[in-house]
Structures are given as structure tokens and as C-alpha cells.
Amino acid sequence: MDPNLTLIGQSIAMIVFVWFCMKFIWPPIMNAIEERQKQIAAGLAAAEKGQAKLEQATAEAEGIIADARKQATGILDQAHSFANEIVSEGKSDGVKERDRQLAAAKADIEQEANRAREGLRGEVSAIAIASAEKILQREIDAKQHEDILSKLAAEL
């Protein structure tokens, strides 16, 4: 194969084409590629910052939730203690009311017992006097009758 003019012409055309590409086409393409690399790097950095902020926000949210749970637990504890206080107050009030009613009932029973005793004393003395009259076969005057009854009531 003999180098002829066509081969030399094609070689010169190729060298001019490569020089033209290196001078005018390659720099804008490289600038575009570098700009795109910078944008991708900036996007990745922003994504990493966003991820870090998300993790920080998640940690803060967990802290807030933990505080809320502690407060809720404190409120429940206070409610339970308040309920227990109310129950104990109710029990003590019930005991006081029971004691008061028991004392009143005992006083009523005592009064009824005293009335019954007085009534029985009167009846016993009347029976004793009636028996004594029958035994003596005579009647005692009212004043003596009253004195005997009061003495007998005092003895009983």
C-alpha cells in the first residue's frame, strides 16, 4: 500500500478535526461535566445534612415523647393518690358517722331502758301495795301510799 494523497488528506483532516474538538468542543463538555459533578456533590451534601437533621429531629421527638410519658405517669400517680385520699376520707367519714349513730342509738336504748325501769318500778310498787292491802285487809291513805312507792322505787 502506497501512501497517496488521499491518505495524507484524510490524516490532515483528522488532525484538524481533533484539534478543533480539543479547542472548541472539549472545554464546554468538560465544563458541563464538572458543573454536573458539583451539583451532584452539592445534592449529596444536602441529602446528608437532611439525613442528619432528620436524625436530630427524631431524637428530639423521642425526648419530647419520653417527657410526655413521664408527665402522664406523674399525672396518673397524682390521680391515684387523690383517689386514695378521697377513699380514705370517705372511710373515715363513714366510721365517724357510724360511731355517731351508734352513740345516739346507745343513748336512745339507755333512755328507753330507764323509762322501762321507771314503769316497772311503778308497777312493782303498785302490785306490792295491792298485795300489802290484801294482806292487811285495809286501805292505806294516799300520802302513805306515795311515800311507800317512792321508798320502794328508790330501793329498786
C-alpha atoms as a PDB file:
ATOM      1  CA  MET A   1       0.000   0.000   0.000  1.00  0.00           C
ATOM      2  CA  ASP A   2       1.378   3.202  -1.145  1.00  0.00           C
ATOM      3  CA  PRO A   3       0.724   6.346   0.830  1.00  0.00           C
ATOM      4  CA  ASN A   4      -1.049   8.525  -1.547  1.00  0.00           C
ATOM      5  CA  LEU A   5      -2.600  11.920  -1.382  1.00  0.00           C
ATOM      6  CA  THR A   6      -5.922  10.653  -0.087  1.00  0.00           C
ATOM      7  CA  LEU A   7      -4.336   9.137   2.963  1.00  0.00           C
ATOM      8  CA  ILE A   8      -2.396  12.306   3.679  1.00  0.00           C
ATOM      9  CA  GLY A   9      -5.541  14.410   3.156  1.00  0.00           C
ATOM     10  CA  GLN A  10      -7.535  12.209   5.486  1.00  0.00           C
ATOM     11  CA  SER A  11      -4.778  12.350   8.091  1.00  0.00           C
ATOM     12  CA  ILE A  12      -4.673  16.173   7.893  1.00  0.00           C
ATOM     13  CA  ALA A  13      -8.476  16.325   8.109  1.00  0.00           C
ATOM     14  CA  MET A  14      -8.389  14.028  11.139  1.00  0.00           C
ATOM     15  CA  ILE A  15      -5.724  16.148  12.837  1.00  0.00           C
ATOM     16  CA  VAL A  16      -7.734  19.340  12.160  1.00  0.00           C
ATOM     17  CA  PHE A  17     -10.882  17.657  13.442  1.00  0.00           C
ATOM     18  CA  VAL A  18      -9.152  16.518  16.661  1.00  0.00           C
ATOM     19  CA  TRP A  19      -7.577  19.981  17.148  1.00  0.00           C
ATOM     20  CA  PHE A  20     -10.982  21.648  16.547  1.00  0.00           C
ATOM     21  CA  CYS A  21     -12.658  19.292  19.043  1.00  0.00           C
ATOM     22  CA  MET A  22      -9.912  19.819  21.607  1.00  0.00           C
ATOM     23  CA  LYS A  23     -10.080  23.605  21.211  1.00  0.00           C
ATOM     24  CA  PHE A  24     -13.807  24.314  20.910  1.00  0.00           C
ATOM     25  CA  ILE A  25     -15.894  21.258  21.810  1.00  0.00           C
ATOM     26  CA  TRP A  26     -13.945  19.510  24.615  1.00  0.00           C
ATOM     27  CA  PRO A  27     -13.762  22.520  27.089  1.00  0.00           C
ATOM     28  CA  PRO A  28     -17.554  23.193  27.142  1.00  0.00           C
ATOM     29  CA  ILE A  29     -18.257  19.467  27.563  1.00  0.00           C
ATOM     30  CA  MET A  30     -15.710  19.245  30.399  1.00  0.00           C
ATOM     31  CA  ASN A  31     -17.200  22.413  31.989  1.00  0.00           C
ATOM     32  CA  ALA A  32     -20.687  20.886  31.763  1.00  0.00           C
ATOM     33  CA  ILE A  33     -19.414  17.608  33.288  1.00  0.00           C
ATOM     34  CA  GLU A  34     -17.621  19.457  36.119  1.00  0.00           C
ATOM     35  CA  GLU A  35     -20.715  21.602  36.785  1.00  0.00           C
ATOM     36  CA  ARG A  36     -22.861  18.479  36.911  1.00  0.00           C
ATOM     37  CA  GLN A  37     -20.368  16.839  39.308  1.00  0.00           C
ATOM     38  CA  LYS A  38     -20.555  19.919  41.552  1.00  0.00           C
ATOM     39  CA  GLN A  39     -24.362  19.806  41.504  1.00  0.00           C
ATOM     40  CA  ILE A  40     -24.383  16.108  42.339  1.00  0.00           C
ATOM     41  CA  ALA A  41     -21.871  16.676  45.157  1.00  0.00           C
ATOM     42  CA  ALA A  42     -23.976  19.556  46.493  1.00  0.00           C
ATOM     43  CA  GLY A  43     -27.100  17.380  46.294  1.00  0.00           C
ATOM     44  CA  LEU A  44     -25.393  14.562  48.170  1.00  0.00           C
ATOM     45  CA  ALA A  45     -24.148  17.002  50.826  1.00  0.00           C
ATOM     46  CA  ALA A  46     -27.656  18.423  51.179  1.00  0.00           C
ATOM     47  CA  ALA A  47     -29.041  14.900  51.459  1.00  0.00           C
ATOM     48  CA  GLU A  48     -26.516  14.093  54.198  1.00  0.00           C
ATOM     49  CA  LYS A  49     -27.421  17.303  56.039  1.00  0.00           C
ATOM     50  CA  GLY A  50     -31.104  16.474  55.655  1.00  0.00           C
ATOM     51  CA  GLN A  51     -30.473  12.971  56.990  1.00  0.00           C
ATOM     52  CA  ALA A  52     -28.568  14.417  59.957  1.00  0.00           C
ATOM     53  CA  LYS A  53     -31.384  16.894  60.639  1.00  0.00           C
ATOM     54  CA  LEU A  54     -33.920  14.069  60.363  1.00  0.00           C
ATOM     55  CA  GLU A  55     -31.981  12.018  62.893  1.00  0.00           C
ATOM     56  CA  GLN A  56     -31.717  15.034  65.189  1.00  0.00           C
ATOM     57  CA  ALA A  57     -35.442  15.743  64.861  1.00  0.00           C
ATOM     58  CA  THR A  58     -36.193  12.090  65.552  1.00  0.00           C
ATOM     59  CA  ALA A  59     -34.047  12.202  68.682  1.00  0.00           C
ATOM     60  CA  GLU A  60     -35.769  15.408  69.839  1.00  0.00           C
ATOM     61  CA  ALA A  61     -39.190  13.873  69.149  1.00  0.00           C
ATOM     62  CA  GLU A  62     -38.257  10.813  71.193  1.00  0.00           C
ATOM     63  CA  GLY A  63     -37.118  13.095  74.019  1.00  0.00           C
ATOM     64  CA  ILE A  64     -40.391  15.017  73.902  1.00  0.00           C
ATOM     65  CA  ILE A  65     -42.358  11.761  73.885  1.00  0.00           C
ATOM     66  CA  ALA A  66     -40.346  10.492  76.863  1.00  0.00           C
ATOM     67  CA  ASP A  67     -41.055  13.742  78.762  1.00  0.00           C
ATOM     68  CA  ALA A  68     -44.737  13.483  77.887  1.00  0.00           C
ATOM     69  CA  ARG A  69     -44.807   9.897  79.154  1.00  0.00           C
ATOM     70  CA  LYS A  70     -43.125  10.976  82.397  1.00  0.00           C
ATOM     71  CA  GLN A  71     -45.677  13.758  82.830  1.00  0.00           C
ATOM     72  CA  ALA A  72     -48.526  11.377  82.072  1.00  0.00           C
ATOM     73  CA  THR A  73     -47.163   8.933  84.621  1.00  0.00           C
ATOM     74  CA  GLY A  74     -46.882  11.747  87.173  1.00  0.00           C
ATOM     75  CA  ILE A  75     -50.451  12.850  86.475  1.00  0.00           C
ATOM     76  CA  LEU A  76     -51.695   9.267  86.849  1.00  0.00           C
ATOM     77  CA  ASP A  77     -49.800   8.886  90.112  1.00  0.00           C
ATOM     78  CA  GLN A  78     -51.333  12.110  91.408  1.00  0.00           C
ATOM     79  CA  ALA A  79     -54.786  10.954  90.329  1.00  0.00           C
ATOM     80  CA  HIS A  80     -54.315   7.606  92.089  1.00  0.00           C
ATOM     81  CA  SER A  81     -53.102   9.280  95.275  1.00  0.00           C
ATOM     82  CA  PHE A  82     -56.004  11.753  95.144  1.00  0.00           C
ATOM     83  CA  ALA A  83     -58.441   8.886  94.647  1.00  0.00           C
ATOM     84  CA  ASN A  84     -56.884   7.022  97.574  1.00  0.00           C
ATOM     85  CA  GLU A  85     -57.185  10.147  99.732  1.00  0.00           C
ATOM     86  CA  ILE A  86     -60.845  10.507  98.775  1.00  0.00           C
ATOM     87  CA  VAL A  87     -61.474   6.840  99.589  1.00  0.00           C
ATOM     88  CA  SER A  88     -59.711   7.125 102.951  1.00  0.00           C
ATOM     89  CA  GLU A  89     -61.620  10.326 103.760  1.00  0.00           C
ATOM     90  CA  GLY A  90     -64.846   8.551 102.842  1.00  0.00           C
ATOM     91  CA  LYS A  91     -63.937   5.645 105.081  1.00  0.00           C
ATOM     92  CA  SER A  92     -63.056   7.920 107.996  1.00  0.00           C
ATOM     93  CA  ASP A  93     -66.254   9.913 107.472  1.00  0.00           C
ATOM     94  CA  GLY A  94     -68.198   6.635 107.395  1.00  0.00           C
ATOM     95  CA  VAL A  95     -66.543   5.482 110.602  1.00  0.00           C
ATOM     96  CA  LYS A  96     -67.307   8.820 112.283  1.00  0.00           C
ATOM     97  CA  GLU A  97     -70.926   8.675 111.123  1.00  0.00           C
ATOM     98  CA  ARG A  98     -71.214   5.057 112.303  1.00  0.00           C
ATOM     99  CA  ASP A  99     -69.782   5.991 115.709  1.00  0.00           C
ATOM    100  CA  ARG A 100     -72.125   8.962 115.962  1.00  0.00           C
ATOM    101  CA  GLN A 101     -75.165   6.847 115.068  1.00  0.00           C
ATOM    102  CA  LEU A 102     -74.003   4.105 117.420  1.00  0.00           C
ATOM    103  CA  ALA A 103     -73.672   6.610 120.279  1.00  0.00           C
ATOM    104  CA  ALA A 104     -77.107   8.036 119.502  1.00  0.00           C
ATOM    105  CA  ALA A 105     -78.600   4.523 119.419  1.00  0.00           C
ATOM    106  CA  LYS A 106     -76.937   3.660 122.740  1.00  0.00           C
ATOM    107  CA  ALA A 107     -78.315   6.871 124.267  1.00  0.00           C
ATOM    108  CA  ASP A 108     -81.807   6.022 122.941  1.00  0.00           C
ATOM    109  CA  ILE A 109     -81.531   2.487 124.314  1.00  0.00           C
ATOM    110  CA  GLU A 110     -80.393   3.840 127.678  1.00  0.00           C
ATOM    111  CA  GLN A 111     -83.325   6.269 127.784  1.00  0.00           C
ATOM    112  CA  GLU A 112     -85.806   3.520 126.855  1.00  0.00           C
ATOM    113  CA  ALA A 113     -84.276   1.242 129.489  1.00  0.00           C
ATOM    114  CA  ASN A 114     -84.617   3.997 132.101  1.00  0.00           C
ATOM    115  CA  ARG A 115     -88.235   4.582 131.104  1.00  0.00           C
ATOM    116  CA  ALA A 116     -88.944   0.874 131.258  1.00  0.00           C
ATOM    117  CA  ARG A 117     -87.297   0.667 134.700  1.00  0.00           C
ATOM    118  CA  GLU A 118     -89.362   3.581 135.953  1.00  0.00           C
ATOM    119  CA  GLY A 119     -92.507   1.997 134.560  1.00  0.00           C
ATOM    120  CA  LEU A 120     -91.620  -1.375 136.097  1.00  0.00           C
ATOM    121  CA  ARG A 121     -90.838   0.281 139.451  1.00  0.00           C
ATOM    122  CA  GLY A 122     -94.240   1.915 139.423  1.00  0.00           C
ATOM    123  CA  GLU A 123     -95.977  -1.330 138.512  1.00  0.00           C
ATOM    124  CA  VAL A 124     -93.972  -3.353 141.051  1.00  0.00           C
ATOM    125  CA  SER A 125     -94.750  -0.852 143.781  1.00  0.00           C
ATOM    126  CA  ALA A 126     -98.425  -0.821 142.803  1.00  0.00           C
ATOM    127  CA  ILE A 127     -98.502  -4.609 142.902  1.00  0.00           C
ATOM    128  CA  ALA A 128     -96.674  -4.603 146.251  1.00  0.00           C
ATOM    129  CA  ILE A 129     -99.125  -2.135 147.698  1.00  0.00           C
ATOM    130  CA  ALA A 130    -102.085  -4.060 146.338  1.00  0.00           C
ATOM    131  CA  SER A 131    -100.621  -7.207 147.853  1.00  0.00           C
ATOM    132  CA  ALA A 132     -99.985  -5.428 151.128  1.00  0.00           C
ATOM    133  CA  GLU A 133    -103.582  -4.116 151.169  1.00  0.00           C
ATOM    134  CA  LYS A 134    -104.920  -7.547 150.645  1.00  0.00           C
ATOM    135  CA  ILE A 135    -102.685  -8.851 153.367  1.00  0.00           C
ATOM    136  CA  LEU A 136    -103.652  -6.097 155.754  1.00  0.00           C
ATOM    137  CA  GLN A 137    -107.242  -6.071 154.524  1.00  0.00           C
ATOM    138  CA  ARG A 138    -107.392  -2.376 154.716  1.00  0.00           C
ATOM    139  CA  GLU A 139    -106.512   0.562 152.573  1.00  0.00           C
ATOM    140  CA  ILE A 140    -103.585   2.879 153.199  1.00  0.00           C
ATOM    141  CA  ASP A 141    -104.193   6.602 152.697  1.00  0.00           C
ATOM    142  CA  ALA A 142    -102.763   8.319 149.569  1.00  0.00           C
ATOM    143  CA  LYS A 143     -99.941  10.100 151.332  1.00  0.00           C
ATOM    144  CA  GLN A 144     -98.614   6.947 152.916  1.00  0.00           C
ATOM    145  CA  HIS A 145     -99.134   5.164 149.616  1.00  0.00           C
ATOM    146  CA  GLU A 146     -96.969   7.749 147.818  1.00  0.00           C
ATOM    147  CA  ASP A 147     -94.232   7.536 150.482  1.00  0.00           C
ATOM    148  CA  ILE A 148     -94.080   3.768 150.270  1.00  0.00           C
ATOM    149  CA  LEU A 149     -93.953   3.885 146.490  1.00  0.00           C
ATOM    150  CA  SER A 150     -91.094   6.430 146.453  1.00  0.00           C
ATOM    151  CA  LYS A 151     -89.117   4.419 149.044  1.00  0.00           C
ATOM    152  CA  LEU A 152     -89.654   1.224 147.058  1.00  0.00           C
ATOM    153  CA  ALA A 153     -88.663   2.951 143.800  1.00  0.00           C
ATOM    154  CA  ALA A 154     -85.511   4.278 145.424  1.00  0.00           C
ATOM    155  CA  GLU A 155     -84.588   0.795 146.626  1.00  0.00           C
ATOM    156  CA  LEU A 156     -85.059  -0.731 143.214  1.00  0.00           C
END
